[in-house]
All heavy atoms as atom14 arrays in JSON, in Angstrom:
{
  "sequence": "IRPLKEADGSRSIIKAMLLMEDVTELTRLEEKLRDSYTKLENAF",
  "atom14_mask": [
    [1, 1, 1, 1, 1, 1, 1, 1, 0, 0, 0, 0, 0, 0],
    [1, 1, 1, 1, 1, 1, 1, 1, 1, 1, 1, 0, 0, 0],
    [1, 1, 1, 1, 1, 1, 1, 0, 0, 0, 0, 0, 0, 0],
    [1, 1, 1, 1, 1, 1, 1, 1, 0, 0, 0, 0, 0, 0],
    [1, 1, 1, 1, 1, 1, 1, 1, 1, 0, 0, 0, 0, 0],
    [1, 1, 1, 1, 1, 1, 1, 1, 1, 0, 0, 0, 0, 0],
    [1, 1, 1, 1, 1, 0, 0, 0, 0, 0, 0, 0, 0, 0],
    [1, 1, 1, 1, 1, 1, 1, 1, 0, 0, 0, 0, 0, 0],
    [1, 1, 1, 1, 0, 0, 0, 0, 0, 0, 0, 0, 0, 0],
    [1, 1, 1, 1, 1, 1, 0, 0, 0, 0, 0, 0, 0, 0],
    [1, 1, 1, 1, 1, 1, 1, 1, 1, 1, 1, 0, 0, 0],
    [1, 1, 1, 1, 1, 1, 0, 0, 0, 0, 0, 0, 0, 0],
    [1, 1, 1, 1, 1, 1, 1, 1, 0, 0, 0, 0, 0, 0],
    [1, 1, 1, 1, 1, 1, 1, 1, 0, 0, 0, 0, 0, 0],
    [1, 1, 1, 1, 1, 1, 1, 1, 1, 0, 0, 0, 0, 0],
    [1, 1, 1, 1, 1, 0, 0, 0, 0, 0, 0, 0, 0, 0],
    [1, 1, 1, 1, 1, 1, 1, 1, 0, 0, 0, 0, 0, 0],
    [1, 1, 1, 1, 1, 1, 1, 1, 0, 0, 0, 0, 0, 0],
    [1, 1, 1, 1, 1, 1, 1, 1, 0, 0, 0, 0, 0, 0],
    [1, 1, 1, 1, 1, 1, 1, 1, 0, 0, 0, 0, 0, 0],
    [1, 1, 1, 1, 1, 1, 1, 1, 1, 0, 0, 0, 0, 0],
    [1, 1, 1, 1, 1, 1, 1, 1, 0, 0, 0, 0, 0, 0],
    [1, 1, 1, 1, 1, 1, 1, 0, 0, 0, 0, 0, 0, 0],
    [1, 1, 1, 1, 1, 1, 1, 0, 0, 0, 0, 0, 0, 0],
    [1, 1, 1, 1, 1, 1, 1, 1, 1, 0, 0, 0, 0, 0],
    [1, 1, 1, 1, 1, 1, 1, 1, 0, 0, 0, 0, 0, 0],
    [1, 1, 1, 1, 1, 1, 1, 0, 0, 0, 0, 0, 0, 0],
    [1, 1, 1, 1, 1, 1, 1, 1, 1, 1, 1, 0, 0, 0],
    [1, 1, 1, 1, 1, 1, 1, 1, 0, 0, 0, 0, 0, 0],
    [1, 1, 1, 1, 1, 1, 1, 1, 1, 0, 0, 0, 0, 0],
    [1, 1, 1, 1, 1, 1, 1, 1, 1, 0, 0, 0, 0, 0],
    [1, 1, 1, 1, 1, 1, 1, 1, 1, 0, 0, 0, 0, 0],
    [1, 1, 1, 1, 1, 1, 1, 1, 0, 0, 0, 0, 0, 0],
    [1, 1, 1, 1, 1, 1, 1, 1, 1, 1, 1, 0, 0, 0],
    [1, 1, 1, 1, 1, 1, 1, 1, 0, 0, 0, 0, 0, 0],
    [1, 1, 1, 1, 1, 1, 0, 0, 0, 0, 0, 0, 0, 0],
    [1, 1, 1, 1, 1, 1, 1, 1, 1, 1, 1, 1, 0, 0],
    [1, 1, 1, 1, 1, 1, 1, 0, 0, 0, 0, 0, 0, 0],
    [1, 1, 1, 1, 1, 1, 1, 1, 1, 0, 0, 0, 0, 0],
    [1, 1, 1, 1, 1, 1, 1, 1, 0, 0, 0, 0, 0, 0],
    [1, 1, 1, 1, 1, 1, 1, 1, 1, 0, 0, 0, 0, 0],
    [1, 1, 1, 1, 1, 1, 1, 1, 0, 0, 0, 0, 0, 0],
    [1, 1, 1, 1, 1, 0, 0, 0, 0, 0, 0, 0, 0, 0],
    [1, 1, 1, 1, 1, 1, 1, 1, 1, 1, 1, 0, 0, 0]
  ],
  "atom14_positions": [
    [[-95.83, -71.54, 136.86], [-95.15, -72.54, 136.21], [-95.99, -73.25, 135.27], [-97.15, -73.62, 135.62], [-94.6, -73.63, 137.25], [-93.72, -72.84, 138.25], [-93.61, -74.59, 136.52], [-93.28, -73.73, 139.43], [0.0, 0.0, 0.0], [0.0, 0.0, 0.0], [0.0, 0.0, 0.0], [0.0, 0.0, 0.0], [0.0, 0.0, 0.0], [0.0, 0.0, 0.0]],
    [[-95.6, -73.5, 134.02], [-96.47, -74.07, 133.03], [-95.8, -75.36, 132.43], [-94.54, -75.29, 132.19], [-96.72, -73.16, 131.87], [-97.45, -72.02, 132.06], [-98.95, -72.29, 132.19], [-99.88, -71.17, 132.39], [-100.18, -70.74, 133.55], [-99.52, -71.21, 134.67], [-100.91, -69.63, 133.64], [0.0, 0.0, 0.0], [0.0, 0.0, 0.0], [0.0, 0.0, 0.0]],
    [[-96.42, -76.58, 132.33], [-95.82, -77.73, 131.78], [-95.5, -77.5, 130.28], [-96.38, -76.84, 129.56], [-96.88, -78.8, 131.89], [-98.17, -77.96, 132.1], [-97.86, -76.68, 132.65], [0.0, 0.0, 0.0], [0.0, 0.0, 0.0], [0.0, 0.0, 0.0], [0.0, 0.0, 0.0], [0.0, 0.0, 0.0], [0.0, 0.0, 0.0], [0.0, 0.0, 0.0]],
    [[-94.52, -78.11, 129.65], [-94.24, -77.97, 128.2], [-94.19, -79.45, 127.63], [-93.44, -80.26, 128.16], [-92.81, -77.27, 127.98], [-92.84, -75.88, 128.49], [-91.38, -75.28, 128.2], [-93.86, -74.95, 127.69], [0.0, 0.0, 0.0], [0.0, 0.0, 0.0], [0.0, 0.0, 0.0], [0.0, 0.0, 0.0], [0.0, 0.0, 0.0], [0.0, 0.0, 0.0]],
    [[-94.96, -79.55, 126.57], [-94.9, -80.96, 125.93], [-93.81, -81.0, 124.92], [-93.35, -80.01, 124.43], [-96.27, -81.1, 125.25], [-97.45, -81.29, 126.15], [-98.73, -81.44, 125.29], [-99.97, -81.55, 126.24], [-101.23, -81.75, 125.52], [0.0, 0.0, 0.0], [0.0, 0.0, 0.0], [0.0, 0.0, 0.0], [0.0, 0.0, 0.0], [0.0, 0.0, 0.0]],
    [[-93.38, -82.19, 124.62], [-92.37, -82.39, 123.64], [-92.81, -81.99, 122.27], [-93.95, -82.06, 121.88], [-91.95, -83.8, 123.68], [-91.13, -84.26, 124.89], [-89.66, -83.52, 124.88], [-88.9, -83.87, 124.09], [-89.64, -82.53, 125.67], [0.0, 0.0, 0.0], [0.0, 0.0, 0.0], [0.0, 0.0, 0.0], [0.0, 0.0, 0.0], [0.0, 0.0, 0.0]],
    [[-91.8, -81.47, 121.56], [-92.11, -80.88, 120.19], [-92.31, -82.18, 119.24], [-92.75, -81.99, 118.06], [-90.84, -80.17, 119.68], [0.0, 0.0, 0.0], [0.0, 0.0, 0.0], [0.0, 0.0, 0.0], [0.0, 0.0, 0.0], [0.0, 0.0, 0.0], [0.0, 0.0, 0.0], [0.0, 0.0, 0.0], [0.0, 0.0, 0.0], [0.0, 0.0, 0.0]],
    [[-92.07, -83.31, 119.52], [-92.21, -84.35, 118.55], [-93.62, -84.87, 118.57], [-93.99, -85.88, 117.72], [-91.38, -85.58, 119.03], [-91.66, -86.05, 120.34], [-92.69, -85.67, 121.04], [-90.85, -86.94, 120.97], [0.0, 0.0, 0.0], [0.0, 0.0, 0.0], [0.0, 0.0, 0.0], [0.0, 0.0, 0.0], [0.0, 0.0, 0.0], [0.0, 0.0, 0.0]],
    [[-94.57, -84.25, 119.09], [-95.96, -84.57, 118.96], [-96.44, -85.57, 120.08], [-97.71, -85.87, 120.23], [0.0, 0.0, 0.0], [0.0, 0.0, 0.0], [0.0, 0.0, 0.0], [0.0, 0.0, 0.0], [0.0, 0.0, 0.0], [0.0, 0.0, 0.0], [0.0, 0.0, 0.0], [0.0, 0.0, 0.0], [0.0, 0.0, 0.0], [0.0, 0.0, 0.0]],
    [[-95.51, -86.06, 120.96], [-95.91, -86.92, 121.99], [-96.47, -86.17, 123.06], [-96.4, -84.88, 123.21], [-94.64, -87.78, 122.47], [-93.71, -86.84, 123.11], [0.0, 0.0, 0.0], [0.0, 0.0, 0.0], [0.0, 0.0, 0.0], [0.0, 0.0, 0.0], [0.0, 0.0, 0.0], [0.0, 0.0, 0.0], [0.0, 0.0, 0.0], [0.0, 0.0, 0.0]],
    [[-97.21, -86.78, 124.0], [-97.89, -86.1, 125.07], [-97.03, -86.15, 126.34], [-97.45, -85.6, 127.45], [-99.22, -86.89, 125.35], [-100.17, -86.96, 124.2], [-101.44, -87.69, 124.55], [-102.25, -86.81, 125.34], [-103.09, -85.88, 124.9], [-103.19, -85.7, 123.56], [-103.87, -85.18, 125.77], [0.0, 0.0, 0.0], [0.0, 0.0, 0.0], [0.0, 0.0, 0.0]],
    [[-95.86, -86.61, 126.29], [-94.97, -86.57, 127.43], [-94.48, -85.25, 127.78], [-94.34, -84.34, 126.97], [-93.71, -87.54, 127.14], [-93.0, -87.09, 126.07], [0.0, 0.0, 0.0], [0.0, 0.0, 0.0], [0.0, 0.0, 0.0], [0.0, 0.0, 0.0], [0.0, 0.0, 0.0], [0.0, 0.0, 0.0], [0.0, 0.0, 0.0], [0.0, 0.0, 0.0]],
    [[-94.31, -85.03, 129.11], [-93.81, -83.68, 129.57], [-92.54, -83.87, 130.37], [-92.52, -84.64, 131.4], [-94.98, -83.07, 130.58], [-96.22, -82.83, 129.77], [-94.49, -81.75, 131.19], [-97.38, -82.37, 130.64], [0.0, 0.0, 0.0], [0.0, 0.0, 0.0], [0.0, 0.0, 0.0], [0.0, 0.0, 0.0], [0.0, 0.0, 0.0], [0.0, 0.0, 0.0]],
    [[-91.48, -83.25, 129.94], [-90.26, -83.44, 130.65], [-89.61, -82.06, 130.81], [-88.43, -81.97, 131.3], [-89.25, -84.31, 129.83], [-88.96, -83.72, 128.53], [-89.83, -85.75, 129.72], [-87.84, -84.41, 127.76], [0.0, 0.0, 0.0], [0.0, 0.0, 0.0], [0.0, 0.0, 0.0], [0.0, 0.0, 0.0], [0.0, 0.0, 0.0], [0.0, 0.0, 0.0]],
    [[-90.27, -80.95, 130.62], [-89.84, -79.59, 130.78], [-90.96, -78.84, 131.44], [-92.15, -79.09, 131.39], [-89.31, -79.0, 129.45], [-88.17, -79.64, 128.85], [-87.73, -79.02, 127.51], [-86.56, -79.69, 126.88], [-86.27, -79.22, 125.59], [0.0, 0.0, 0.0], [0.0, 0.0, 0.0], [0.0, 0.0, 0.0], [0.0, 0.0, 0.0], [0.0, 0.0, 0.0]],
    [[-90.42, -77.6, 132.03], [-91.5, -76.67, 132.59], [-90.91, -75.3, 132.32], [-89.83, -75.04, 132.2], [-91.69, -76.95, 134.05], [0.0, 0.0, 0.0], [0.0, 0.0, 0.0], [0.0, 0.0, 0.0], [0.0, 0.0, 0.0], [0.0, 0.0, 0.0], [0.0, 0.0, 0.0], [0.0, 0.0, 0.0], [0.0, 0.0, 0.0], [0.0, 0.0, 0.0]],
    [[-91.99, -74.41, 132.1], [-91.6, -72.97, 131.94], [-91.88, -72.22, 133.19], [-93.05, -72.24, 133.63], [-92.32, -72.38, 130.72], [-92.05, -70.91, 130.5], [-92.72, -70.37, 128.86], [-94.53, -70.57, 129.14], [0.0, 0.0, 0.0], [0.0, 0.0, 0.0], [0.0, 0.0, 0.0], [0.0, 0.0, 0.0], [0.0, 0.0, 0.0], [0.0, 0.0, 0.0]],
    [[-90.86, -71.32, 133.68], [-91.12, -70.57, 134.83], [-91.27, -69.17, 134.35], [-90.41, -68.52, 133.78], [-89.88, -70.73, 135.77], [-89.83, -69.84, 137.07], [-90.91, -70.1, 137.97], [-88.53, -69.99, 137.77], [0.0, 0.0, 0.0], [0.0, 0.0, 0.0], [0.0, 0.0, 0.0], [0.0, 0.0, 0.0], [0.0, 0.0, 0.0], [0.0, 0.0, 0.0]],
    [[-92.41, -68.5, 134.83], [-92.61, -67.08, 134.52], [-92.64, -66.27, 135.75], [-93.26, -66.49, 136.61], [-93.88, -66.83, 133.74], [-94.05, -67.58, 132.35], [-94.73, -68.98, 132.55], [-94.88, -66.74, 131.41], [0.0, 0.0, 0.0], [0.0, 0.0, 0.0], [0.0, 0.0, 0.0], [0.0, 0.0, 0.0], [0.0, 0.0, 0.0], [0.0, 0.0, 0.0]],
    [[-91.85, -65.27, 135.78], [-91.66, -64.41, 137.05], [-91.92, -62.96, 136.77], [-91.45, -62.38, 135.79], [-90.21, -64.54, 137.62], [-89.8, -65.96, 137.94], [-87.97, -66.16, 138.38], [-87.86, -65.04, 139.75], [0.0, 0.0, 0.0], [0.0, 0.0, 0.0], [0.0, 0.0, 0.0], [0.0, 0.0, 0.0], [0.0, 0.0, 0.0], [0.0, 0.0, 0.0]],
    [[-92.64, -62.3, 137.62], [-93.15, -60.86, 137.54], [-92.56, -60.17, 138.87], [-92.86, -60.53, 139.93], [-94.59, -60.81, 137.44], [-95.18, -61.31, 136.29], [-95.0, -60.49, 135.01], [-94.59, -59.33, 135.19], [-95.37, -60.87, 133.92], [0.0, 0.0, 0.0], [0.0, 0.0, 0.0], [0.0, 0.0, 0.0], [0.0, 0.0, 0.0], [0.0, 0.0, 0.0]],
    [[-91.79, -59.09, 138.56], [-91.3, -58.29, 139.61], [-92.42, -57.4, 140.17], [-92.98, -56.52, 139.61], [-90.17, -57.39, 139.06], [-89.53, -56.6, 140.13], [-89.88, -56.56, 141.34], [-88.54, -55.89, 139.89], [0.0, 0.0, 0.0], [0.0, 0.0, 0.0], [0.0, 0.0, 0.0], [0.0, 0.0, 0.0], [0.0, 0.0, 0.0], [0.0, 0.0, 0.0]],
    [[-92.78, -57.61, 141.41], [-93.97, -56.92, 142.05], [-93.37, -56.07, 143.3], [-94.25, -55.76, 144.26], [-95.15, -57.74, 142.48], [-95.75, -58.32, 141.28], [-94.66, -58.89, 143.35], [0.0, 0.0, 0.0], [0.0, 0.0, 0.0], [0.0, 0.0, 0.0], [0.0, 0.0, 0.0], [0.0, 0.0, 0.0], [0.0, 0.0, 0.0], [0.0, 0.0, 0.0]],
    [[-92.1, -55.96, 143.4], [-91.41, -55.26, 144.53], [-92.11, -53.98, 144.8], [-92.48, -53.57, 145.94], [-90.04, -55.03, 144.25], [-89.35, -56.29, 143.83], [-89.31, -54.58, 145.49], [0.0, 0.0, 0.0], [0.0, 0.0, 0.0], [0.0, 0.0, 0.0], [0.0, 0.0, 0.0], [0.0, 0.0, 0.0], [0.0, 0.0, 0.0], [0.0, 0.0, 0.0]],
    [[-92.24, -52.98, 143.8], [-92.8, -51.66, 144.04], [-94.16, -51.69, 144.53], [-94.58, -50.97, 145.43], [-92.61, -50.88, 142.76], [-92.79, -49.34, 142.89], [-91.9, -48.8, 143.84], [-90.63, -49.14, 143.82], [-92.23, -47.79, 144.65], [0.0, 0.0, 0.0], [0.0, 0.0, 0.0], [0.0, 0.0, 0.0], [0.0, 0.0, 0.0], [0.0, 0.0, 0.0]],
    [[-94.93, -52.61, 143.87], [-96.37, -52.72, 144.29], [-96.45, -53.13, 145.69], [-97.34, -52.62, 146.49], [-97.12, -53.72, 143.3], [-98.62, -53.71, 143.26], [-99.17, -52.3, 142.82], [-99.16, -54.73, 142.47], [0.0, 0.0, 0.0], [0.0, 0.0, 0.0], [0.0, 0.0, 0.0], [0.0, 0.0, 0.0], [0.0, 0.0, 0.0], [0.0, 0.0, 0.0]],
    [[-95.62, -54.16, 146.05], [-95.7, -54.64, 147.51], [-95.33, -53.54, 148.48], [-95.81, -53.36, 149.59], [-94.73, -55.76, 147.62], [-95.09, -56.85, 146.74], [-94.73, -56.39, 149.08], [0.0, 0.0, 0.0], [0.0, 0.0, 0.0], [0.0, 0.0, 0.0], [0.0, 0.0, 0.0], [0.0, 0.0, 0.0], [0.0, 0.0, 0.0], [0.0, 0.0, 0.0]],
    [[-94.32, -52.71, 148.09], [-93.75, -51.63, 148.98], [-94.92, -50.62, 149.31], [-95.14, -50.07, 150.23], [-92.58, -51.0, 148.37], [-91.38, -51.79, 148.66], [-90.13, -51.13, 147.81], [-88.89, -51.95, 147.98], [-87.72, -51.74, 147.26], [-87.81, -50.82, 146.41], [-86.73, -52.5, 147.43], [0.0, 0.0, 0.0], [0.0, 0.0, 0.0], [0.0, 0.0, 0.0]],
    [[-95.5, -50.33, 148.12], [-96.71, -49.38, 148.24], [-97.81, -49.89, 149.05], [-98.43, -48.99, 149.85], [-97.26, -49.05, 146.76], [-96.49, -48.17, 145.88], [-97.11, -48.16, 144.47], [-96.37, -46.74, 146.43], [0.0, 0.0, 0.0], [0.0, 0.0, 0.0], [0.0, 0.0, 0.0], [0.0, 0.0, 0.0], [0.0, 0.0, 0.0], [0.0, 0.0, 0.0]],
    [[-98.13, -51.11, 149.0], [-99.07, -51.64, 149.95], [-98.77, -51.63, 151.28], [-99.59, -51.3, 152.19], [-99.39, -53.2, 149.49], [-100.44, -53.84, 150.25], [-100.73, -55.26, 149.76], [-99.88, -55.85, 149.1], [-101.85, -55.91, 150.24], [0.0, 0.0, 0.0], [0.0, 0.0, 0.0], [0.0, 0.0, 0.0], [0.0, 0.0, 0.0], [0.0, 0.0, 0.0]],
    [[-97.49, -51.84, 151.59], [-96.98, -51.87, 153.04], [-96.97, -50.36, 153.55], [-97.39, -50.13, 154.67], [-95.49, -52.39, 153.15], [-95.38, -53.89, 152.87], [-93.86, -54.28, 152.81], [-93.06, -53.4, 152.79], [-93.74, -55.61, 152.81], [0.0, 0.0, 0.0], [0.0, 0.0, 0.0], [0.0, 0.0, 0.0], [0.0, 0.0, 0.0], [0.0, 0.0, 0.0]],
    [[-96.62, -49.45, 152.61], [-96.75, -48.06, 152.99], [-98.12, -47.58, 153.28], [-98.35, -46.91, 154.28], [-96.1, -47.15, 151.97], [-94.59, -47.23, 151.86], [-94.07, -46.19, 150.73], [-92.6, -46.41, 150.61], [-92.11, -45.5, 149.56], [0.0, 0.0, 0.0], [0.0, 0.0, 0.0], [0.0, 0.0, 0.0], [0.0, 0.0, 0.0], [0.0, 0.0, 0.0]],
    [[-98.99, -48.08, 152.5], [-100.46, -47.65, 152.7], [-101.04, -48.27, 153.97], [-101.6, -47.48, 154.7], [-101.26, -48.22, 151.41], [-102.7, -47.77, 151.39], [-102.8, -46.25, 151.21], [-103.37, -48.48, 150.13], [0.0, 0.0, 0.0], [0.0, 0.0, 0.0], [0.0, 0.0, 0.0], [0.0, 0.0, 0.0], [0.0, 0.0, 0.0], [0.0, 0.0, 0.0]],
    [[-100.66, -49.55, 154.2], [-101.1, -50.13, 155.51], [-100.49, -49.38, 156.76], [-101.23, -49.18, 157.65], [-100.64, -51.57, 155.53], [-101.33, -52.42, 156.62], [-100.78, -53.83, 156.69], [-101.0, -54.52, 155.4], [-100.1, -54.95, 154.57], [-98.86, -54.67, 154.93], [-100.31, -55.6, 153.46], [0.0, 0.0, 0.0], [0.0, 0.0, 0.0], [0.0, 0.0, 0.0]],
    [[-99.24, -49.08, 156.64], [-98.61, -48.29, 157.76], [-99.27, -46.93, 157.97], [-99.45, -46.52, 159.12], [-97.08, -48.19, 157.5], [-96.27, -49.55, 157.55], [-96.86, -50.35, 158.11], [-95.18, -49.51, 157.02], [0.0, 0.0, 0.0], [0.0, 0.0, 0.0], [0.0, 0.0, 0.0], [0.0, 0.0, 0.0], [0.0, 0.0, 0.0], [0.0, 0.0, 0.0]],
    [[-99.46, -46.23, 156.81], [-100.16, -44.94, 156.99], [-101.54, -45.05, 157.53], [-102.01, -44.23, 158.33], [-100.21, -44.31, 155.59], [-98.82, -44.05, 155.01], [0.0, 0.0, 0.0], [0.0, 0.0, 0.0], [0.0, 0.0, 0.0], [0.0, 0.0, 0.0], [0.0, 0.0, 0.0], [0.0, 0.0, 0.0], [0.0, 0.0, 0.0], [0.0, 0.0, 0.0]],
    [[-102.23, -46.03, 157.03], [-103.64, -46.21, 157.62], [-103.64, -46.59, 159.06], [-104.29, -46.0, 159.83], [-104.17, -47.41, 156.85], [-105.81, -47.33, 156.95], [-106.55, -46.59, 156.05], [-106.39, -48.22, 157.92], [-107.87, -46.71, 156.07], [-107.82, -48.22, 157.94], [-108.55, -47.34, 157.06], [-109.92, -47.33, 157.15], [0.0, 0.0, 0.0], [0.0, 0.0, 0.0]],
    [[-102.59, -47.37, 159.61], [-102.44, -47.77, 160.98], [-102.15, -46.52, 161.82], [-102.68, -46.23, 162.87], [-101.44, -48.74, 161.22], [-101.86, -49.94, 160.47], [-101.3, -49.12, 162.72], [0.0, 0.0, 0.0], [0.0, 0.0, 0.0], [0.0, 0.0, 0.0], [0.0, 0.0, 0.0], [0.0, 0.0, 0.0], [0.0, 0.0, 0.0], [0.0, 0.0, 0.0]],
    [[-101.16, -45.75, 161.26], [-100.84, -44.41, 161.91], [-102.02, -43.5, 162.02], [-102.1, -42.77, 163.07], [-99.71, -43.74, 161.19], [-98.26, -44.56, 161.3], [-97.3, -43.86, 160.48], [-95.93, -44.64, 160.55], [-94.91, -44.08, 159.67], [0.0, 0.0, 0.0], [0.0, 0.0, 0.0], [0.0, 0.0, 0.0], [0.0, 0.0, 0.0], [0.0, 0.0, 0.0]],
    [[-102.75, -43.44, 161.0], [-104.0, -42.51, 160.95], [-104.99, -42.88, 162.01], [-105.46, -42.08, 162.82], [-104.58, -42.5, 159.66], [-105.77, -41.57, 159.45], [-105.42, -40.07, 159.59], [-106.35, -41.75, 158.06], [0.0, 0.0, 0.0], [0.0, 0.0, 0.0], [0.0, 0.0, 0.0], [0.0, 0.0, 0.0], [0.0, 0.0, 0.0], [0.0, 0.0, 0.0]],
    [[-105.3, -44.25, 162.16], [-106.17, -44.74, 163.18], [-105.66, -44.44, 164.6], [-106.4, -43.99, 165.49], [-106.47, -46.34, 163.06], [-107.24, -46.55, 161.85], [-107.64, -48.02, 161.89], [-106.78, -48.8, 162.13], [-108.72, -48.37, 161.53], [0.0, 0.0, 0.0], [0.0, 0.0, 0.0], [0.0, 0.0, 0.0], [0.0, 0.0, 0.0], [0.0, 0.0, 0.0]],
    [[-104.37, -44.7, 164.83], [-103.76, -44.46, 166.14], [-103.72, -42.96, 166.48], [-103.94, -42.65, 167.58], [-102.27, -44.95, 166.14], [-102.28, -46.46, 166.06], [-103.16, -47.19, 166.41], [-100.98, -46.99, 165.59], [0.0, 0.0, 0.0], [0.0, 0.0, 0.0], [0.0, 0.0, 0.0], [0.0, 0.0, 0.0], [0.0, 0.0, 0.0], [0.0, 0.0, 0.0]],
    [[-103.47, -42.07, 165.49], [-103.48, -40.71, 165.69], [-104.95, -40.17, 166.04], [-105.04, -39.37, 167.0], [-103.03, -39.95, 164.32], [0.0, 0.0, 0.0], [0.0, 0.0, 0.0], [0.0, 0.0, 0.0], [0.0, 0.0, 0.0], [0.0, 0.0, 0.0], [0.0, 0.0, 0.0], [0.0, 0.0, 0.0], [0.0, 0.0, 0.0], [0.0, 0.0, 0.0]],
    [[-105.88, -40.7, 165.4], [-107.27, -40.3, 165.77], [-107.72, -40.91, 167.09], [-108.51, -40.16, 167.81], [-108.27, -40.79, 164.72], [-108.51, -39.63, 163.82], [-107.84, -39.52, 162.61], [-109.6, -38.82, 164.01], [-108.09, -38.4, 161.72], [-109.84, -37.75, 163.13], [-109.21, -37.69, 161.92], [0.0, 0.0, 0.0], [0.0, 0.0, 0.0], [0.0, 0.0, 0.0]]
  ]
}
């Protein structure tokens, strides 16, 4: 989240910008990797 200043040159802030990044696939890969690592340790 980033604060946005007014365009009139004043320093007042009455708006904010929300930037969102989709990391679903990266999160799933991390979970799969963690599960695989756990299974490997248990198997050994």
